C-alpha atoms as a PDB file:
ATOM      1  CA  PRO A   1       0.000   0.000   0.000  1.00  0.00           C
ATOM      2  CA  PHE A   2       2.872   2.486   0.656  1.00  0.00           C
ATOM      3  CA  PRO A   3       5.455   3.303  -2.016  1.00  0.00           C
ATOM      4  CA  THR A   4       9.010   2.316  -1.195  1.00  0.00           C
ATOM      5  CA  TYR A   5      11.945   4.591  -1.848  1.00  0.00           C
ATOM      6  CA  ASP A   6      15.525   3.516  -2.295  1.00  0.00           C
ATOM      7  CA  VAL A   7      17.141   6.087   0.043  1.00  0.00           C
ATOM      8  CA  ASN A   8      20.324   5.451   1.951  1.00  0.00           C
ATOM      9  CA  MET A   9      22.316   7.566   4.413  1.00  0.00           C
ATOM     10  CA  GLY A  10      24.787   8.647   1.712  1.00  0.00           C
ATOM     11  CA  TRP A  11      21.933  10.252  -0.238  1.00  0.00           C
ATOM     12  CA  VAL A  12      20.635  11.969   2.930  1.00  0.00           C
ATOM     13  CA  PHE A  13      24.075  13.442   3.709  1.00  0.00           C
ATOM     14  CA  PHE A  14      24.463  14.573   0.095  1.00  0.00           C
ATOM     15  CA  MET A  15      21.120  16.405   0.231  1.00  0.00           C
ATOM     16  CA  LEU A  16      22.035  18.033   3.565  1.00  0.00           C
ATOM     17  CA  LEU A  17      25.336  19.214   2.091  1.00  0.00           C
ATOM     18  CA  PHE A  18      23.515  20.498  -0.996  1.00  0.00           C
ATOM     19  CA  ASP A  19      21.034  22.400   1.215  1.00  0.00           C
ATOM     20  CA  ILE A  20      23.868  24.004   3.181  1.00  0.00           C
ATOM     21  CA  VAL A  21      25.626  25.203   0.026  1.00  0.00           C
ATOM     22  CA  PHE A  22      22.393  26.311  -1.680  1.00  0.00           C
ATOM     23  CA  TYR A  23      21.050  28.317   1.258  1.00  0.00           C
ATOM     24  CA  SER A  24      24.484  29.792   1.995  1.00  0.00           C
ATOM     25  CA  VAL A  25      24.711  31.129  -1.564  1.00  0.00           C
ATOM     26  CA  ILE A  26      21.162  32.541  -1.346  1.00  0.00           C
ATOM     27  CA  THR A  27      21.979  34.216   2.000  1.00  0.00           C
ATOM     28  CA  TRP A  28      25.242  35.682   0.662  1.00  0.00           C
ATOM     29  CA  TYR A  29      23.479  37.036  -2.448  1.00  0.00           C
ATOM     30  CA  LEU A  30      20.582  38.609  -0.544  1.00  0.00           C
ATOM     31  CA  ASP A  31      22.958  40.113   2.035  1.00  0.00           C
ATOM     32  CA  SER A  32      24.965  41.691  -0.793  1.00  0.00           C
ATOM     33  CA  VAL A  33      21.934  43.056  -2.659  1.00  0.00           C
ATOM     34  CA  LYS A  34      19.959  44.154   0.439  1.00  0.00           C
ATOM     35  CA  PRO A  35      22.553  44.775   3.190  1.00  0.00           C
ATOM     36  CA  GLY A  36      20.167  46.482   5.595  1.00  0.00           C
ATOM     37  CA  PRO A  37      20.620  49.944   7.091  1.00  0.00           C
ATOM     38  CA  PHE A  38      24.432  49.849   6.952  1.00  0.00           C
ATOM     39  CA  GLY A  39      26.576  48.886   4.007  1.00  0.00           C
ATOM     40  CA  ILE A  40      26.481  49.500   0.291  1.00  0.00           C
ATOM     41  CA  ALA A  41      23.954  47.546  -1.737  1.00  0.00           C
ATOM     42  CA  LYS A  42      25.421  45.863  -4.784  1.00  0.00           C
ATOM     43  CA  PRO A  43      23.450  45.749  -8.046  1.00  0.00           C
ATOM     44  CA  TRP A  44      21.294  42.668  -8.618  1.00  0.00           C
ATOM     45  CA  ASN A  45      23.704  41.392 -11.298  1.00  0.00           C
ATOM     46  CA  PHE A  46      26.945  41.981  -9.360  1.00  0.00           C
ATOM     47  CA  CYS A  47      27.971  38.347  -9.857  1.00  0.00           C
ATOM     48  CA  CYS A  48      28.311  38.947 -13.603  1.00  0.00           C
ATOM     49  CA  GLN A  49      30.037  42.334 -13.423  1.00  0.00           C
ATOM     50  CA  GLY A  50      33.489  40.809 -13.147  1.00  0.00           C
ATOM     51  CA  LEU A  51      33.118  39.644 -16.731  1.00  0.00           C
ATOM     52  CA  LYS A  52      33.169  43.135 -18.270  1.00  0.00           C
ATOM     53  CA  LYS A  53      36.342  45.090 -18.908  1.00  0.00           C
ATOM     54  CA  LYS A  54      37.494  47.213 -15.971  1.00  0.00           C
ATOM     55  CA  LYS A  55      38.424  50.855 -16.436  1.00  0.00           C
ATOM     56  CA  HIS A  56      41.480  52.259 -14.688  1.00  0.00           C
ATOM     57  CA  ILE A  57      42.338  55.915 -14.510  1.00  0.00           C
ATOM     58  CA  SER A  58      45.775  57.427 -14.546  1.00  0.00           C
ATOM     59  CA  SER A  59      47.146  58.323 -11.128  1.00  0.00           C
ATOM     60  CA  LYS A  60      48.321  61.647 -12.621  1.00  0.00           C
ATOM     61  CA  GLN A  61      44.778  62.718 -13.463  1.00  0.00           C
ATOM     62  CA  ASN A  62      43.402  65.317 -11.061  1.00  0.00           C
ATOM     63  CA  PHE A  63      39.797  66.229 -10.420  1.00  0.00           C
ATOM     64  CA  ILE A  64      39.745  69.862  -9.438  1.00  0.00           C
ATOM     65  CA  GLY A  65      36.736  71.869  -8.271  1.00  0.00           C
ATOM     66  CA  LYS A  66      36.140  75.431  -9.429  1.00  0.00           C
ATOM     67  CA  SER A  67      35.401  77.148  -6.115  1.00  0.00           C
ATOM     68  CA  THR A  68      38.676  77.241  -4.145  1.00  0.00           C
ATOM     69  CA  TYR A  69      41.872  75.685  -5.345  1.00  0.00           C
ATOM     70  CA  GLU A  70      45.420  75.713  -4.070  1.00  0.00           C
ATOM     71  CA  GLU A  71      48.143  74.440  -6.360  1.00  0.00           C
ATOM     72  CA  PRO A  72      49.623  71.252  -4.797  1.00  0.00           C
ATOM     73  CA  LEU A  73      53.321  70.823  -4.264  1.00  0.00           C
ATOM     74  CA  PRO A  74      54.903  69.040  -7.247  1.00  0.00           C
ATOM     75  CA  TYR A  75      56.283  66.107  -5.238  1.00  0.00           C
ATOM     76  CA  LEU A  76      52.914  65.081  -3.731  1.00  0.00           C
ATOM     77  CA  LYS A  77      51.234  61.946  -5.058  1.00  0.00           C
ATOM     78  CA  VAL A  78      47.460  61.771  -5.169  1.00  0.00           C
ATOM     79  CA  GLY A  79      46.286  58.728  -3.217  1.00  0.00           C
ATOM     80  CA  MET A  80      42.537  59.231  -3.470  1.00  0.00           C
ATOM     81  CA  PHE A  81      40.346  61.196  -5.896  1.00  0.00           C
ATOM     82  CA  VAL A  82      36.882  62.152  -4.729  1.00  0.00           C
ATOM     83  CA  LYS A  83      34.816  63.265  -7.717  1.00  0.00           C
ATOM     84  CA  LYS A  84      31.386  64.911  -7.448  1.00  0.00           C
ATOM     85  CA  ILE A  85      30.129  62.848  -4.502  1.00  0.00           C
ATOM     86  CA  LYS A  86      26.482  63.523  -3.715  1.00  0.00           C
ATOM     87  CA  LYS A  87      24.398  62.094  -0.909  1.00  0.00           C
ATOM     88  CA  VAL A  88      20.655  62.674  -0.824  1.00  0.00           C
ATOM     89  CA  TYR A  89      18.788  61.292   2.167  1.00  0.00           C
ATOM     90  CA  LYS A  90      15.120  60.336   2.329  1.00  0.00           C
ATOM     91  CA  GLY A  91      13.004  62.957   0.685  1.00  0.00           C
ATOM     92  CA  GLU A  92      15.151  65.729  -0.684  1.00  0.00           C
ATOM     93  CA  MET A  93      17.572  66.404   2.172  1.00  0.00           C
ATOM     94  CA  VAL A  94      21.011  66.890   0.619  1.00  0.00           C
ATOM     95  CA  GLY A  95      23.903  65.729   2.799  1.00  0.00           C
ATOM     96  CA  LEU A  96      26.675  66.258   0.252  1.00  0.00           C
ATOM     97  CA  ASP A  97      26.385  68.306  -2.904  1.00  0.00           C
ATOM     98  CA  GLY A  98      29.114  67.477  -5.406  1.00  0.00           C
ATOM     99  CA  VAL A  99      32.226  67.189  -3.215  1.00  0.00           C
ATOM    100  CA  THR A 100      35.402  67.019  -5.307  1.00  0.00           C
ATOM    101  CA  MET A 101      38.875  66.819  -3.777  1.00  0.00           C
ATOM    102  CA  ASN A 102      42.263  65.122  -3.899  1.00  0.00           C
ATOM    103  CA  ILE A 103      43.695  63.359  -0.862  1.00  0.00           C
ATOM    104  CA  TYR A 104      47.473  63.055  -1.042  1.00  0.00           C
ATOM    105  CA  GLN A 105      49.671  60.182   0.098  1.00  0.00           C
ATOM    106  CA  ASP A 106      51.734  60.686   3.263  1.00  0.00           C
ATOM    107  CA  VAL A 107      49.893  63.932   4.064  1.00  0.00           C
ATOM    108  CA  ILE A 108      47.486  64.462   6.947  1.00  0.00           C
ATOM    109  CA  THR A 109      44.122  65.546   5.568  1.00  0.00           C
ATOM    110  CA  VAL A 110      41.582  67.329   7.754  1.00  0.00           C
ATOM    111  CA  LEU A 111      37.918  67.981   7.018  1.00  0.00           C
ATOM    112  CA  LEU A 112      36.695  71.196   8.604  1.00  0.00           C
ATOM    113  CA  GLY A 113      33.155  72.516   8.552  1.00  0.00           C
ATOM    114  CA  HIS A 114      30.192  73.597  10.602  1.00  0.00           C
ATOM    115  CA  ASN A 115      27.522  71.247  11.967  1.00  0.00           C
ATOM    116  CA  GLY A 116      25.646  69.636   9.106  1.00  0.00           C
ATOM    117  CA  ALA A 117      28.357  70.370   6.536  1.00  0.00           C
ATOM    118  CA  GLY A 118      28.637  66.695   5.543  1.00  0.00           C
ATOM    119  CA  LYS A 119      31.923  65.663   7.140  1.00  0.00           C
ATOM    120  CA  THR A 120      30.501  62.517   8.722  1.00  0.00           C
ATOM    121  CA  SER A 121      28.514  61.679   5.595  1.00  0.00           C
ATOM    122  CA  LEU A 122      31.666  61.904   3.470  1.00  0.00           C
ATOM    123  CA  MET A 123      33.661  59.718   5.880  1.00  0.00           C
ATOM    124  CA  GLY A 124      30.794  57.209   5.988  1.00  0.00           C
ATOM    125  CA  ILE A 125      30.790  57.010   2.186  1.00  0.00           C
ATOM    126  CA  LEU A 126      34.585  56.726   1.969  1.00  0.00           C
ATOM    127  CA  SER A 127      34.620  53.904   4.523  1.00  0.00           C
ATOM    128  CA  GLY A 128      31.705  52.043   2.914  1.00  0.00           C
ATOM    129  CA  LEU A 129      29.250  52.576   5.744  1.00  0.00           C
ATOM    130  CA  TYR A 130      26.849  54.460   3.455  1.00  0.00           C
ATOM    131  CA  SER A 131      26.384  54.492  -0.300  1.00  0.00           C
ATOM    132  CA  ALA A 132      26.704  57.679  -2.337  1.00  0.00           C
ATOM    133  CA  SER A 133      23.760  58.883  -4.399  1.00  0.00           C
ATOM    134  CA  SER A 134      26.170  59.731  -7.226  1.00  0.00           C
ATOM    135  CA  GLY A 135      29.842  60.377  -7.866  1.00  0.00           C
ATOM    136  CA  LYS A 136      33.009  58.325  -7.820  1.00  0.00           C
ATOM    137  CA  VAL A 137      35.931  57.743  -5.475  1.00  0.00           C
ATOM    138  CA  TYR A 138      39.226  56.418  -6.810  1.00  0.00           C
ATOM    139  CA  PHE A 139      41.894  54.898  -4.570  1.00  0.00           C
ATOM    140  CA  ARG A 140      45.214  54.162  -6.286  1.00  0.00           C
ATOM    141  CA  GLY A 141      43.485  54.487  -9.651  1.00  0.00           C
ATOM    142  CA  GLU A 142      40.600  52.085  -8.962  1.00  0.00           C
ATOM    143  CA  ASN A 143      36.973  52.913  -8.263  1.00  0.00           C
ATOM    144  CA  ILE A 144      36.371  51.869  -4.645  1.00  0.00           C
ATOM    145  CA  PHE A 145      32.638  51.341  -5.159  1.00  0.00           C
ATOM    146  CA  SER A 146      33.263  48.557  -7.679  1.00  0.00           C
ATOM    147  CA  ASN A 147      35.412  46.571  -5.230  1.00  0.00           C
ATOM    148  CA  MET A 148      34.763  47.742  -1.674  1.00  0.00           C
ATOM    149  CA  LYS A 149      36.197  44.554  -0.142  1.00  0.00           C
ATOM    150  CA  LYS A 150      39.621  45.188  -1.711  1.00  0.00           C
ATOM    151  CA  PHE A 151      39.511  48.806  -0.526  1.00  0.00           C
ATOM    152  CA  HIS A 152      38.612  47.706   3.030  1.00  0.00           C
ATOM    153  CA  ARG A 153      41.748  45.531   3.130  1.00  0.00           C
ATOM    154  CA  ASN A 154      43.859  48.631   2.383  1.00  0.00           C
ATOM    155  CA  LEU A 155      41.859  50.840   4.738  1.00  0.00           C
ATOM    156  CA  GLY A 156      41.938  48.426   7.646  1.00  0.00           C
ATOM    157  CA  VAL A 157      38.164  48.284   8.168  1.00  0.00           C
END
């Protein structure tokens, strides 16, 4: 009256191992795409983005804003380019509005500004705590948003 199945313990362990791998991959993917309140969400197709050609910029290229500019000393090397970073919070509250600057290697850099100027927002974006609404940040010629894990190894986060 009852159907019989040819199941042995090897098959049971195989299915348990398969479930572990399958659900681990699903958890990793969902955590990357929807990281919660902290962290940068990756695009839904981030697994396939490693297949396209990567763009590198020259380390000699400078991104200079128009408002205030001081000519850098010729021996300084640019370690990080911050280009037109914008951060818009819920609604239309603007936290950062097109910040562009160079951060030089072996030089102490200080962010000064009044309350609400965006210093913490900028540091949160640079460290990967928050995502930028637009703009790019290059560290040693590579866009940090395309490979935040590699940048974190250099940053020490």
